[in-house]
All heavy atoms as atom14 arrays in JSON, in Angstrom:
{
  "sequence": "GGNAEFKYADIEVKSLYPWEGNIIYTINPKQDNICFTLAIRI",
  "atom14_mask": [
    [1, 1, 1, 1, 0, 0, 0, 0, 0, 0, 0, 0, 0, 0],
    [1, 1, 1, 1, 0, 0, 0, 0, 0, 0, 0, 0, 0, 0],
    [1, 1, 1, 1, 1, 1, 1, 1, 0, 0, 0, 0, 0, 0],
    [1, 1, 1, 1, 1, 0, 0, 0, 0, 0, 0, 0, 0, 0],
    [1, 1, 1, 1, 1, 1, 1, 1, 1, 0, 0, 0, 0, 0],
    [1, 1, 1, 1, 1, 1, 1, 1, 1, 1, 1, 0, 0, 0],
    [1, 1, 1, 1, 1, 1, 1, 1, 1, 0, 0, 0, 0, 0],
    [1, 1, 1, 1, 1, 1, 1, 1, 1, 1, 1, 1, 0, 0],
    [1, 1, 1, 1, 1, 0, 0, 0, 0, 0, 0, 0, 0, 0],
    [1, 1, 1, 1, 1, 1, 1, 1, 0, 0, 0, 0, 0, 0],
    [1, 1, 1, 1, 1, 1, 1, 1, 0, 0, 0, 0, 0, 0],
    [1, 1, 1, 1, 1, 1, 1, 1, 1, 0, 0, 0, 0, 0],
    [1, 1, 1, 1, 1, 1, 1, 0, 0, 0, 0, 0, 0, 0],
    [1, 1, 1, 1, 1, 1, 1, 1, 1, 0, 0, 0, 0, 0],
    [1, 1, 1, 1, 1, 1, 0, 0, 0, 0, 0, 0, 0, 0],
    [1, 1, 1, 1, 1, 1, 1, 1, 0, 0, 0, 0, 0, 0],
    [1, 1, 1, 1, 1, 1, 1, 1, 1, 1, 1, 1, 0, 0],
    [1, 1, 1, 1, 1, 1, 1, 0, 0, 0, 0, 0, 0, 0],
    [1, 1, 1, 1, 1, 1, 1, 1, 1, 1, 1, 1, 1, 1],
    [1, 1, 1, 1, 1, 1, 1, 1, 1, 0, 0, 0, 0, 0],
    [1, 1, 1, 1, 0, 0, 0, 0, 0, 0, 0, 0, 0, 0],
    [1, 1, 1, 1, 1, 1, 1, 1, 0, 0, 0, 0, 0, 0],
    [1, 1, 1, 1, 1, 1, 1, 1, 0, 0, 0, 0, 0, 0],
    [1, 1, 1, 1, 1, 1, 1, 1, 0, 0, 0, 0, 0, 0],
    [1, 1, 1, 1, 1, 1, 1, 1, 1, 1, 1, 1, 0, 0],
    [1, 1, 1, 1, 1, 1, 1, 0, 0, 0, 0, 0, 0, 0],
    [1, 1, 1, 1, 1, 1, 1, 1, 0, 0, 0, 0, 0, 0],
    [1, 1, 1, 1, 1, 1, 1, 1, 0, 0, 0, 0, 0, 0],
    [1, 1, 1, 1, 1, 1, 1, 0, 0, 0, 0, 0, 0, 0],
    [1, 1, 1, 1, 1, 1, 1, 1, 1, 0, 0, 0, 0, 0],
    [1, 1, 1, 1, 1, 1, 1, 1, 1, 0, 0, 0, 0, 0],
    [1, 1, 1, 1, 1, 1, 1, 1, 0, 0, 0, 0, 0, 0],
    [1, 1, 1, 1, 1, 1, 1, 1, 0, 0, 0, 0, 0, 0],
    [1, 1, 1, 1, 1, 1, 1, 1, 0, 0, 0, 0, 0, 0],
    [1, 1, 1, 1, 1, 1, 0, 0, 0, 0, 0, 0, 0, 0],
    [1, 1, 1, 1, 1, 1, 1, 1, 1, 1, 1, 0, 0, 0],
    [1, 1, 1, 1, 1, 1, 1, 0, 0, 0, 0, 0, 0, 0],
    [1, 1, 1, 1, 1, 1, 1, 1, 0, 0, 0, 0, 0, 0],
    [1, 1, 1, 1, 1, 0, 0, 0, 0, 0, 0, 0, 0, 0],
    [1, 1, 1, 1, 1, 1, 1, 1, 0, 0, 0, 0, 0, 0],
    [1, 1, 1, 1, 1, 1, 1, 1, 1, 1, 1, 0, 0, 0],
    [1, 1, 1, 1, 1, 1, 1, 1, 0, 0, 0, 0, 0, 0]
  ],
  "atom14_positions": [
    [[-4.0, -2.19, 8.74], [-3.76, -0.75, 8.61], [-2.4, -0.35, 9.13], [-1.84, -1.05, 9.98], [0.0, 0.0, 0.0], [0.0, 0.0, 0.0], [0.0, 0.0, 0.0], [0.0, 0.0, 0.0], [0.0, 0.0, 0.0], [0.0, 0.0, 0.0], [0.0, 0.0, 0.0], [0.0, 0.0, 0.0], [0.0, 0.0, 0.0], [0.0, 0.0, 0.0]],
    [[-1.87, 0.72, 8.6], [-0.55, 1.17, 9.06], [0.34, 1.65, 7.92], [-0.14, 2.02, 6.82], [0.0, 0.0, 0.0], [0.0, 0.0, 0.0], [0.0, 0.0, 0.0], [0.0, 0.0, 0.0], [0.0, 0.0, 0.0], [0.0, 0.0, 0.0], [0.0, 0.0, 0.0], [0.0, 0.0, 0.0], [0.0, 0.0, 0.0], [0.0, 0.0, 0.0]],
    [[1.66, 1.63, 8.18], [2.6, 2.09, 7.23], [3.67, 1.06, 7.03], [4.15, 0.41, 7.98], [3.27, 3.42, 7.7], [2.3, 4.57, 7.78], [1.97, 5.18, 6.81], [1.76, 4.8, 9.01], [0.0, 0.0, 0.0], [0.0, 0.0, 0.0], [0.0, 0.0, 0.0], [0.0, 0.0, 0.0], [0.0, 0.0, 0.0], [0.0, 0.0, 0.0]],
    [[4.09, 0.89, 5.78], [5.11, -0.13, 5.43], [6.14, 0.5, 4.46], [5.75, 1.19, 3.51], [4.46, -1.36, 4.82], [0.0, 0.0, 0.0], [0.0, 0.0, 0.0], [0.0, 0.0, 0.0], [0.0, 0.0, 0.0], [0.0, 0.0, 0.0], [0.0, 0.0, 0.0], [0.0, 0.0, 0.0], [0.0, 0.0, 0.0], [0.0, 0.0, 0.0]],
    [[7.38, 0.21, 4.74], [8.5, 0.74, 3.91], [9.1, -0.37, 3.15], [9.56, -1.39, 3.72], [9.52, 1.45, 4.78], [10.65, 2.06, 3.99], [11.68, 2.74, 4.89], [11.33, 3.04, 6.04], [12.83, 2.92, 4.43], [0.0, 0.0, 0.0], [0.0, 0.0, 0.0], [0.0, 0.0, 0.0], [0.0, 0.0, 0.0], [0.0, 0.0, 0.0]],
    [[9.23, -0.21, 1.8], [9.83, -1.23, 0.96], [10.93, -0.61, 0.09], [11.22, 0.56, 0.17], [8.72, -1.88, 0.08], [7.62, -2.47, 0.87], [6.4, -1.8, 1.0], [7.8, -3.7, 1.47], [5.4, -2.34, 1.74], [6.78, -4.26, 2.19], [5.55, -3.59, 2.35], [0.0, 0.0, 0.0], [0.0, 0.0, 0.0], [0.0, 0.0, 0.0]],
    [[11.53, -1.46, -0.74], [12.62, -1.0, -1.59], [12.21, 0.14, -2.5], [12.95, 1.11, -2.64], [13.16, -2.18, -2.38], [14.27, -1.87, -3.38], [14.68, -3.11, -4.11], [15.76, -2.79, -5.17], [16.13, -4.02, -5.95], [0.0, 0.0, 0.0], [0.0, 0.0, 0.0], [0.0, 0.0, 0.0], [0.0, 0.0, 0.0], [0.0, 0.0, 0.0]],
    [[11.05, 0.0, -3.13], [10.63, 0.99, -4.13], [9.65, 2.04, -3.64], [9.5, 3.06, -4.28], [9.97, 0.22, -5.32], [10.95, -0.64, -6.1], [10.71, -1.97, -6.27], [12.12, -0.1, -6.67], [11.59, -2.77, -7.03], [12.98, -0.86, -7.4], [12.73, -2.19, -7.56], [13.61, -2.97, -8.27], [0.0, 0.0, 0.0], [0.0, 0.0, 0.0]],
    [[8.97, 1.75, -2.52], [7.95, 2.68, -2.11], [7.59, 2.52, -0.62], [7.87, 1.47, 0.0], [6.67, 2.39, -2.93], [0.0, 0.0, 0.0], [0.0, 0.0, 0.0], [0.0, 0.0, 0.0], [0.0, 0.0, 0.0], [0.0, 0.0, 0.0], [0.0, 0.0, 0.0], [0.0, 0.0, 0.0], [0.0, 0.0, 0.0], [0.0, 0.0, 0.0]],
    [[7.0, 3.59, -0.11], [6.34, 3.55, 1.22], [4.88, 3.45, 0.94], [4.33, 4.11, 0.04], [6.68, 4.79, 2.02], [8.14, 4.92, 2.35], [8.83, 3.87, 2.41], [8.61, 6.05, 2.59], [0.0, 0.0, 0.0], [0.0, 0.0, 0.0], [0.0, 0.0, 0.0], [0.0, 0.0, 0.0], [0.0, 0.0, 0.0], [0.0, 0.0, 0.0]],
    [[4.19, 2.59, 1.71], [2.76, 2.4, 1.47], [2.01, 2.6, 2.83], [2.39, 2.09, 3.86], [2.47, 0.98, 0.98], [3.14, 0.77, -0.38], [0.97, 0.74, 0.85], [2.97, -0.63, -0.97], [0.0, 0.0, 0.0], [0.0, 0.0, 0.0], [0.0, 0.0, 0.0], [0.0, 0.0, 0.0], [0.0, 0.0, 0.0], [0.0, 0.0, 0.0]],
    [[1.0, 3.43, 2.74], [0.1, 3.65, 3.89], [-1.18, 2.9, 3.61], [-1.73, 2.93, 2.5], [-0.21, 5.15, 4.06], [-1.16, 5.4, 5.22], [-1.63, 6.83, 5.32], [-1.35, 7.59, 4.37], [-2.25, 7.18, 6.28], [0.0, 0.0, 0.0], [0.0, 0.0, 0.0], [0.0, 0.0, 0.0], [0.0, 0.0, 0.0], [0.0, 0.0, 0.0]],
    [[-1.68, 2.16, 4.62], [-2.89, 1.39, 4.5], [-3.87, 1.87, 5.54], [-3.53, 1.93, 6.75], [-2.67, -0.13, 4.65], [-3.97, -0.88, 4.46], [-1.62, -0.6, 3.71], [0.0, 0.0, 0.0], [0.0, 0.0, 0.0], [0.0, 0.0, 0.0], [0.0, 0.0, 0.0], [0.0, 0.0, 0.0], [0.0, 0.0, 0.0], [0.0, 0.0, 0.0]],
    [[-5.05, 2.28, 5.11], [-6.18, 2.52, 6.0], [-7.15, 1.42, 5.85], [-7.68, 1.16, 4.74], [-6.8, 3.87, 5.68], [-5.89, 5.05, 6.02], [-6.6, 6.39, 5.82], [-5.69, 7.55, 6.24], [-6.34, 8.86, 6.03], [0.0, 0.0, 0.0], [0.0, 0.0, 0.0], [0.0, 0.0, 0.0], [0.0, 0.0, 0.0], [0.0, 0.0, 0.0]],
    [[-7.43, 0.69, 6.96], [-8.26, -0.53, 6.85], [-9.35, -0.56, 7.89], [-9.11, -0.31, 9.07], [-7.35, -1.75, 7.05], [-8.07, -2.94, 7.09], [0.0, 0.0, 0.0], [0.0, 0.0, 0.0], [0.0, 0.0, 0.0], [0.0, 0.0, 0.0], [0.0, 0.0, 0.0], [0.0, 0.0, 0.0], [0.0, 0.0, 0.0], [0.0, 0.0, 0.0]],
    [[-10.55, -0.87, 7.43], [-11.68, -1.09, 8.37], [-11.85, -2.61, 8.63], [-12.74, -3.03, 9.36], [-12.98, -0.54, 7.8], [-12.99, 0.98, 7.58], [-14.36, 1.42, 7.0], [-12.71, 1.7, 8.91], [0.0, 0.0, 0.0], [0.0, 0.0, 0.0], [0.0, 0.0, 0.0], [0.0, 0.0, 0.0], [0.0, 0.0, 0.0], [0.0, 0.0, 0.0]],
    [[-11.0, -3.41, 7.99], [-10.99, -4.84, 8.17], [-10.53, -5.15, 9.58], [-9.68, -4.43, 10.09], [-10.04, -5.47, 7.15], [-10.25, -6.88, 6.81], [-11.26, -7.29, 5.94], [-9.4, -7.86, 7.34], [-11.46, -8.61, 5.61], [-9.57, -9.21, 6.99], [-10.6, -9.57, 6.13], [-10.77, -10.85, 5.83], [0.0, 0.0, 0.0], [0.0, 0.0, 0.0]],
    [[-10.98, -6.21, 10.22], [-11.82, -7.29, 9.76], [-13.33, -7.08, 9.87], [-14.1, -7.99, 9.51], [-11.37, -8.44, 10.64], [-11.05, -7.78, 11.94], [-10.5, -6.44, 11.59], [0.0, 0.0, 0.0], [0.0, 0.0, 0.0], [0.0, 0.0, 0.0], [0.0, 0.0, 0.0], [0.0, 0.0, 0.0], [0.0, 0.0, 0.0], [0.0, 0.0, 0.0]],
    [[-13.74, -5.93, 10.38], [-15.19, -5.75, 10.6], [-15.91, -5.31, 9.29], [-17.08, -5.63, 9.11], [-15.47, -4.76, 11.74], [-14.83, -5.2, 13.04], [-13.89, -4.5, 13.73], [-15.05, -6.41, 13.78], [-13.5, -5.21, 14.88], [-14.25, -6.36, 14.92], [-15.9, -7.51, 13.6], [-14.23, -7.35, 15.91], [-15.9, -8.53, 14.55], [-15.09, -8.44, 15.68]],
    [[-15.21, -4.54, 8.48], [-15.8, -4.05, 7.26], [-14.83, -4.24, 6.08], [-13.62, -4.23, 6.29], [-16.18, -2.54, 7.37], [-17.13, -2.23, 8.47], [-18.51, -2.89, 8.3], [-18.86, -3.2, 7.14], [-19.19, -3.13, 9.31], [0.0, 0.0, 0.0], [0.0, 0.0, 0.0], [0.0, 0.0, 0.0], [0.0, 0.0, 0.0], [0.0, 0.0, 0.0]],
    [[-15.36, -4.4, 4.9], [-14.53, -4.67, 3.71], [-14.15, -3.43, 2.99], [-14.63, -3.15, 1.88], [0.0, 0.0, 0.0], [0.0, 0.0, 0.0], [0.0, 0.0, 0.0], [0.0, 0.0, 0.0], [0.0, 0.0, 0.0], [0.0, 0.0, 0.0], [0.0, 0.0, 0.0], [0.0, 0.0, 0.0], [0.0, 0.0, 0.0], [0.0, 0.0, 0.0]],
    [[-13.29, -2.62, 3.62], [-12.83, -1.38, 2.97], [-11.37, -1.17, 3.33], [-11.02, -1.02, 4.49], [-13.64, -0.17, 3.39], [-13.18, 1.13, 2.72], [-12.49, 1.9, 3.32], [-13.59, 1.28, 1.42], [0.0, 0.0, 0.0], [0.0, 0.0, 0.0], [0.0, 0.0, 0.0], [0.0, 0.0, 0.0], [0.0, 0.0, 0.0], [0.0, 0.0, 0.0]],
    [[-10.49, -1.19, 2.26], [-9.07, -1.02, 2.48], [-8.55, -0.08, 1.43], [-8.81, -0.17, 0.25], [-8.33, -2.39, 2.36], [-8.99, -3.42, 3.29], [-6.84, -2.22, 2.67], [-9.98, -4.34, 2.63], [0.0, 0.0, 0.0], [0.0, 0.0, 0.0], [0.0, 0.0, 0.0], [0.0, 0.0, 0.0], [0.0, 0.0, 0.0], [0.0, 0.0, 0.0]],
    [[-7.76, 0.94, 1.89], [-7.2, 1.93, 0.96], [-5.64, 1.9, 1.1], [-5.11, 2.09, 2.18], [-7.71, 3.33, 1.26], [-9.24, 3.38, 1.14], [-7.06, 4.37, 0.33], [-9.88, 4.69, 1.56], [0.0, 0.0, 0.0], [0.0, 0.0, 0.0], [0.0, 0.0, 0.0], [0.0, 0.0, 0.0], [0.0, 0.0, 0.0], [0.0, 0.0, 0.0]],
    [[-5.0, 1.71, -0.04], [-3.54, 1.72, -0.09], [-3.12, 3.07, -0.75], [-3.57, 3.4, -1.83], [-2.98, 0.58, -0.96], [-3.3, -0.81, -0.42], [-4.52, -1.39, -0.64], [-2.33, -1.53, 0.24], [-4.78, -2.69, -0.22], [-2.54, -2.83, 0.69], [-3.8, -3.39, 0.48], [-4.09, -4.66, 0.9], [0.0, 0.0, 0.0], [0.0, 0.0, 0.0]],
    [[-2.24, 3.79, -0.05], [-1.66, 5.01, -0.63], [-0.2, 4.74, -0.91], [0.57, 4.43, 0.05], [-1.85, 6.24, 0.29], [-3.23, 6.42, 0.54], [-1.25, 7.47, -0.37], [0.0, 0.0, 0.0], [0.0, 0.0, 0.0], [0.0, 0.0, 0.0], [0.0, 0.0, 0.0], [0.0, 0.0, 0.0], [0.0, 0.0, 0.0], [0.0, 0.0, 0.0]],
    [[0.2, 4.86, -2.16], [1.56, 4.47, -2.58], [2.39, 5.75, -2.8], [1.98, 6.66, -3.54], [1.52, 3.64, -3.86], [0.86, 2.27, -3.59], [2.92, 3.38, -4.37], [-0.62, 2.23, -3.73], [0.0, 0.0, 0.0], [0.0, 0.0, 0.0], [0.0, 0.0, 0.0], [0.0, 0.0, 0.0], [0.0, 0.0, 0.0], [0.0, 0.0, 0.0]],
    [[3.58, 5.78, -2.2], [4.5, 6.85, -2.35], [5.87, 6.28, -2.81], [6.65, 5.84, -1.97], [4.68, 7.63, -1.05], [3.39, 8.36, -0.63], [2.89, 9.19, -1.43], [2.84, 8.06, 0.51], [0.0, 0.0, 0.0], [0.0, 0.0, 0.0], [0.0, 0.0, 0.0], [0.0, 0.0, 0.0], [0.0, 0.0, 0.0], [0.0, 0.0, 0.0]],
    [[6.13, 6.34, -4.15], [7.39, 5.79, -4.66], [8.57, 6.55, -4.11], [8.47, 7.75, -3.79], [7.24, 5.94, -6.17], [5.85, 6.2, -6.45], [5.27, 6.86, -5.19], [0.0, 0.0, 0.0], [0.0, 0.0, 0.0], [0.0, 0.0, 0.0], [0.0, 0.0, 0.0], [0.0, 0.0, 0.0], [0.0, 0.0, 0.0], [0.0, 0.0, 0.0]],
    [[9.69, 5.88, -4.0], [10.88, 6.52, -3.47], [11.69, 7.25, -4.55], [12.62, 8.0, -4.24], [11.81, 5.46, -2.8], [11.16, 4.92, -1.52], [12.12, 4.0, -0.8], [11.52, 3.59, 0.56], [12.4, 2.67, 1.3], [0.0, 0.0, 0.0], [0.0, 0.0, 0.0], [0.0, 0.0, 0.0], [0.0, 0.0, 0.0], [0.0, 0.0, 0.0]],
    [[11.32, 7.04, -5.81], [11.94, 7.79, -6.93], [10.96, 7.88, -8.09], [9.98, 7.13, -8.12], [13.24, 7.14, -7.37], [13.15, 5.63, -7.68], [14.46, 5.03, -7.98], [15.05, 5.29, -9.03], [14.97, 4.19, -7.08], [0.0, 0.0, 0.0], [0.0, 0.0, 0.0], [0.0, 0.0, 0.0], [0.0, 0.0, 0.0], [0.0, 0.0, 0.0]],
    [[11.2, 8.83, -8.97], [10.32, 9.06, -10.09], [10.48, 7.99, -11.19], [11.52, 7.34, -11.29], [10.58, 10.44, -10.68], [10.25, 11.57, -9.71], [9.39, 11.33, -8.83], [10.84, 12.62, -9.87], [0.0, 0.0, 0.0], [0.0, 0.0, 0.0], [0.0, 0.0, 0.0], [0.0, 0.0, 0.0], [0.0, 0.0, 0.0], [0.0, 0.0, 0.0]],
    [[9.4, 7.78, -11.92], [9.43, 6.94, -13.13], [9.9, 5.51, -12.8], [10.73, 4.94, -13.56], [10.31, 7.59, -14.18], [9.81, 8.9, -14.65], [8.59, 9.08, -14.89], [10.72, 9.89, -14.79], [0.0, 0.0, 0.0], [0.0, 0.0, 0.0], [0.0, 0.0, 0.0], [0.0, 0.0, 0.0], [0.0, 0.0, 0.0], [0.0, 0.0, 0.0]],
    [[9.43, 4.97, -11.74], [9.76, 3.61, -11.39], [8.53, 2.71, -11.47], [7.48, 3.07, -11.04], [10.39, 3.54, -9.98], [10.93, 2.13, -9.72], [9.42, 3.95, -8.94], [11.82, 2.04, -8.5], [0.0, 0.0, 0.0], [0.0, 0.0, 0.0], [0.0, 0.0, 0.0], [0.0, 0.0, 0.0], [0.0, 0.0, 0.0], [0.0, 0.0, 0.0]],
    [[8.73, 1.59, -12.17], [7.62, 0.63, -12.35], [7.79, -0.52, -11.44], [8.89, -1.15, -11.43], [7.59, 0.21, -13.82], [6.24, -0.93, -14.18], [0.0, 0.0, 0.0], [0.0, 0.0, 0.0], [0.0, 0.0, 0.0], [0.0, 0.0, 0.0], [0.0, 0.0, 0.0], [0.0, 0.0, 0.0], [0.0, 0.0, 0.0], [0.0, 0.0, 0.0]],
    [[6.79, -0.87, -10.71], [6.81, -2.1, -9.92], [5.37, -2.56, -9.78], [4.45, -1.89, -10.17], [7.46, -1.87, -8.54], [6.78, -0.9, -7.65], [5.76, -1.31, -6.75], [7.15, 0.45, -7.68], [5.16, -0.36, -5.92], [6.52, 1.39, -6.84], [5.53, 0.97, -5.99], [0.0, 0.0, 0.0], [0.0, 0.0, 0.0], [0.0, 0.0, 0.0]],
    [[5.2, -3.74, -9.15], [3.85, -4.32, -9.03], [3.43, -4.36, -7.55], [4.21, -4.73, -6.69], [3.89, -5.75, -9.62], [4.27, -5.68, -11.0], [2.51, -6.42, -9.47], [0.0, 0.0, 0.0], [0.0, 0.0, 0.0], [0.0, 0.0, 0.0], [0.0, 0.0, 0.0], [0.0, 0.0, 0.0], [0.0, 0.0, 0.0], [0.0, 0.0, 0.0]],
    [[2.22, -4.02, -7.36], [1.56, -4.22, -6.04], [0.59, -5.38, -6.17], [-0.33, -5.34, -6.99], [0.81, -2.95, -5.59], [0.02, -3.05, -4.31], [0.95, -3.35, -3.08], [-0.79, -1.78, -4.07], [0.0, 0.0, 0.0], [0.0, 0.0, 0.0], [0.0, 0.0, 0.0], [0.0, 0.0, 0.0], [0.0, 0.0, 0.0], [0.0, 0.0, 0.0]],
    [[0.81, -6.42, -5.45], [-0.03, -7.63, -5.47], [-0.86, -7.72, -4.19], [-0.27, -7.82, -3.11], [0.8, -8.88, -5.66], [0.0, 0.0, 0.0], [0.0, 0.0, 0.0], [0.0, 0.0, 0.0], [0.0, 0.0, 0.0], [0.0, 0.0, 0.0], [0.0, 0.0, 0.0], [0.0, 0.0, 0.0], [0.0, 0.0, 0.0], [0.0, 0.0, 0.0]],
    [[-2.14, -7.65, -4.3], [-3.04, -7.63, -3.15], [-3.88, -8.89, -3.14], [-4.55, -9.21, -4.12], [-3.97, -6.39, -3.23], [-3.13, -5.1, -3.25], [-4.89, -6.39, -2.02], [-3.95, -3.83, -3.53], [0.0, 0.0, 0.0], [0.0, 0.0, 0.0], [0.0, 0.0, 0.0], [0.0, 0.0, 0.0], [0.0, 0.0, 0.0], [0.0, 0.0, 0.0]],
    [[-3.83, -9.6, -2.01], [-4.65, -10.8, -1.89], [-6.12, -10.45, -1.79], [-6.55, -9.52, -1.09], [-4.25, -11.57, -0.61], [-5.23, -12.64, -0.18], [-4.83, -13.25, 1.13], [-5.97, -13.79, 1.79], [-6.61, -13.21, 2.79], [-6.21, -12.06, 3.25], [-7.66, -13.83, 3.34], [0.0, 0.0, 0.0], [0.0, 0.0, 0.0], [0.0, 0.0, 0.0]],
    [[-6.94, -11.21, -2.51], [-8.38, -11.11, -2.41], [-8.87, -12.4, -1.75], [-8.68, -13.5, -2.34], [-9.06, -10.96, -3.81], [-8.47, -9.76, -4.53], [-10.58, -10.8, -3.61], [-8.66, -8.45, -3.88], [0.0, 0.0, 0.0], [0.0, 0.0, 0.0], [0.0, 0.0, 0.0], [0.0, 0.0, 0.0], [0.0, 0.0, 0.0], [0.0, 0.0, 0.0]]
  ]
}
């Protein structure tokens, strides 16, 4: 859980892991109409 800043976006993560399997990513792009990929490990 926490906040991460990247080239294309800032991402907030709310995580109940490792005790529960619930993770929410909130994506805030740094500019409009930008396409990129979010790859999440399962």
